[in-house]
Each structure stands twice: as structure tokens, then as C-alpha cells.
């Protein structure tokens, strides 16, 4: 047997499985979300109003990235122009959404804020 290789016996494997099972039963299996109520926010994007909003934005934009250039790659996504978190009253407003491909979807908060005027211009042009 090579040196430095750790081989677990069946007994050690069983101890590990039992410990994992106990953590699941006690609700400690996910160290990041010990308070499972924090996940409630995600369910708001799984309701029918969100799916309807997304479909309406896609239909308005003809299922195409609004930037539409040679860099377009990946699946299309609907992006909230003004953030979901900060503008709750605009969450389901079709004019607050824009269809972008994966390559053009902003990757961070700074980039999103910088692109807000550009996205709003794209949306206002498409209404005409």
C-alpha cells in the first residue's frame, strides 16, 4: 500500500453515514442555512405571477436578447432592470424587465447599476 493513502474501513464508513444522518435529523446538515426560514424569499420567484411576468417580457422582446450582437451566447434570461429587492412595487411590471442572453446578463451589482439607463432605453424603444 502506498504511503499517505488513507483507506476507510467499513466500520468508519458506517460511523460517518450515521453522523450525517443525525445531522440531517437535527437540521444541521446545511451549515449555511441553519435557519430554513431564510429560504422563503426564493419561493416568491416560484409563483405563477413571476412566471407570467417572465413570459410577458419574453413575448415583448420576441424571445431574443435585446443587445443582440455577435457576442450573444447561452440561453436567454429575463433581468429586472430595477432590482427585485429594492423595488418591490415593480417586481411584476413588464417594463421593468428585459430579455438578455447569458453573455450579456450583468454579473454584479456595480455593472447592473451602470447599465440601468441603457436597459431602460431598450425597453422604452420596444414599446413603440
Protein backbone atom coordinates (compact mmCIF):
# COMPACT_ATOMS: atom_id res chain seq x y z
CA UNK A 1 0.00 0.00 0.00
CA UNK A 2 1.43 3.44 -0.94
CA UNK A 3 2.29 5.76 1.92
CA UNK A 4 -0.02 8.70 2.61
CA UNK A 5 -3.14 6.91 1.35
CA UNK A 6 -5.99 6.77 3.82
CA UNK A 7 -8.28 3.78 3.50
CA UNK A 8 -11.53 3.87 5.43
CA UNK A 9 -12.79 0.64 6.87
CA UNK A 10 -16.43 -0.35 6.59
CA UNK A 11 -16.83 0.47 10.29
CA UNK A 12 -15.55 4.02 9.76
CA UNK A 13 -17.81 4.47 6.74
CA UNK A 14 -20.83 3.42 8.82
CA UNK A 15 -19.88 5.87 11.59
CA UNK A 16 -19.69 8.67 9.01
CA UNK A 17 -23.07 7.78 7.46
CA UNK A 18 -24.69 7.64 10.90
CA UNK A 19 -23.24 11.04 11.84
CA UNK A 20 -24.53 12.57 8.57
CA UNK A 21 -27.98 11.06 9.18
CA UNK A 22 -28.06 12.57 12.69
CA UNK A 23 -27.13 16.00 11.31
CA UNK A 24 -29.99 15.77 8.80
CA UNK A 25 -32.47 14.80 11.50
CA UNK A 26 -31.33 17.67 13.71
CA UNK A 27 -31.47 20.20 10.87
CA UNK A 28 -27.70 20.77 10.92
CA UNK A 29 -26.97 19.22 7.52
CA UNK A 30 -26.56 22.57 5.78
CA UNK A 31 -24.22 24.87 7.70
CA UNK A 32 -25.09 27.90 5.54
CA UNK A 33 -28.86 27.84 6.08
CA UNK A 34 -29.36 26.73 9.64
CA UNK A 35 -32.47 28.92 9.78
CA UNK A 36 -34.52 27.45 6.93
CA UNK A 37 -36.98 30.38 7.04
CA UNK A 38 -34.30 32.42 5.25
CA UNK A 39 -35.06 30.43 2.10
CA UNK A 40 -38.61 31.80 1.96
CA UNK A 41 -37.55 34.69 -0.30
CA UNK A 42 -36.69 32.27 -3.09
CA UNK A 43 -40.22 30.90 -3.17
CA UNK A 44 -41.54 34.29 -4.27
CA UNK A 45 -39.85 33.74 -7.63
CA UNK A 46 -41.51 30.36 -7.98
CA UNK A 47 -45.08 31.61 -8.02
CA UNK A 48 -47.33 31.98 -11.04
CA UNK A 49 -47.08 35.80 -11.07
CA UNK A 50 -43.32 35.59 -11.58
CA UNK A 51 -43.67 33.05 -14.40
CA UNK A 52 -46.35 35.19 -16.07
CA UNK A 53 -44.15 38.29 -15.80
CA UNK A 54 -41.19 36.45 -17.30
CA UNK A 55 -43.31 35.14 -20.19
CA UNK A 56 -44.72 38.61 -20.93
CA UNK A 57 -41.21 40.10 -21.07
CA UNK A 58 -40.07 37.30 -23.39
CA UNK A 59 -43.07 37.84 -25.67
CA UNK A 60 -42.49 41.59 -25.79
CA UNK A 61 -38.82 41.04 -26.67
CA UNK A 62 -39.63 38.27 -29.17
CA UNK A 63 -37.60 35.70 -27.20
CA UNK A 64 -34.34 37.42 -28.23
CA UNK A 65 -31.56 39.23 -26.41
CA UNK A 66 -32.19 42.97 -26.64
CA UNK A 67 -28.48 43.69 -27.11
CA UNK A 68 -28.32 41.16 -29.98
CA UNK A 69 -24.82 41.26 -31.35
CA UNK A 70 -22.18 38.69 -32.28
CA UNK A 71 -21.30 38.16 -28.58
CA UNK A 72 -24.73 36.62 -27.79
CA UNK A 73 -24.29 33.18 -26.27
CA UNK A 74 -26.20 30.93 -23.94
CA UNK A 75 -29.85 30.74 -23.03
CA UNK A 76 -32.00 33.83 -22.72
CA UNK A 77 -32.79 35.20 -19.28
CA UNK A 78 -35.16 37.87 -18.04
CA UNK A 79 -33.42 40.54 -15.99
CA UNK A 80 -35.06 43.02 -13.60
CA UNK A 81 -33.83 46.47 -14.63
CA UNK A 82 -34.53 47.93 -11.20
CA UNK A 83 -33.70 45.30 -8.60
CA UNK A 84 -36.15 42.74 -7.26
CA UNK A 85 -35.07 43.52 -3.70
CA UNK A 86 -35.17 47.33 -3.76
CA UNK A 87 -38.23 47.96 -5.98
CA UNK A 88 -40.87 45.55 -4.73
CA UNK A 89 -43.66 47.53 -6.39
CA UNK A 90 -42.03 46.97 -9.81
CA UNK A 91 -41.36 43.24 -9.44
CA UNK A 92 -44.03 42.22 -11.92
CA UNK A 93 -44.02 45.32 -14.13
CA UNK A 94 -43.26 44.20 -17.69
CA UNK A 95 -41.42 47.50 -18.33
CA UNK A 96 -39.02 46.63 -15.51
CA UNK A 97 -37.81 43.52 -17.32
CA UNK A 98 -35.50 42.94 -20.26
CA UNK A 99 -34.52 39.77 -22.13
CA UNK A 100 -30.78 39.17 -22.26
CA UNK A 101 -28.62 36.25 -23.29
CA UNK A 102 -26.36 34.70 -20.70
CA UNK A 103 -23.32 36.58 -22.06
CA UNK A 104 -24.98 40.00 -21.71
CA UNK A 105 -26.66 39.42 -18.35
CA UNK A 106 -24.90 41.67 -15.78
CA UNK A 107 -22.71 39.71 -13.40
CA UNK A 108 -22.59 42.09 -10.42
CA UNK A 109 -24.28 44.95 -8.65
CA UNK A 110 -21.93 47.64 -9.94
CA UNK A 111 -22.38 46.52 -13.54
CA UNK A 112 -26.17 46.29 -13.08
CA UNK A 113 -26.38 49.86 -11.78
CA UNK A 114 -24.22 51.15 -14.61
CA UNK A 115 -26.47 49.51 -17.22
CA UNK A 116 -29.86 50.65 -15.82
CA UNK A 117 -30.19 53.68 -18.17
CA UNK A 118 -29.21 51.58 -21.20
CA UNK A 119 -31.72 48.85 -20.36
CA UNK A 120 -34.48 51.40 -19.74
CA UNK A 121 -33.78 52.92 -23.14
CA UNK A 122 -34.03 49.49 -24.82
CA UNK A 123 -37.39 48.86 -23.12
CA UNK A 124 -38.81 52.30 -23.99
CA UNK A 125 -37.85 51.83 -27.66
CA UNK A 126 -39.51 48.38 -27.79
CA UNK A 127 -42.86 49.81 -26.58
CA UNK A 128 -43.18 51.90 -29.75
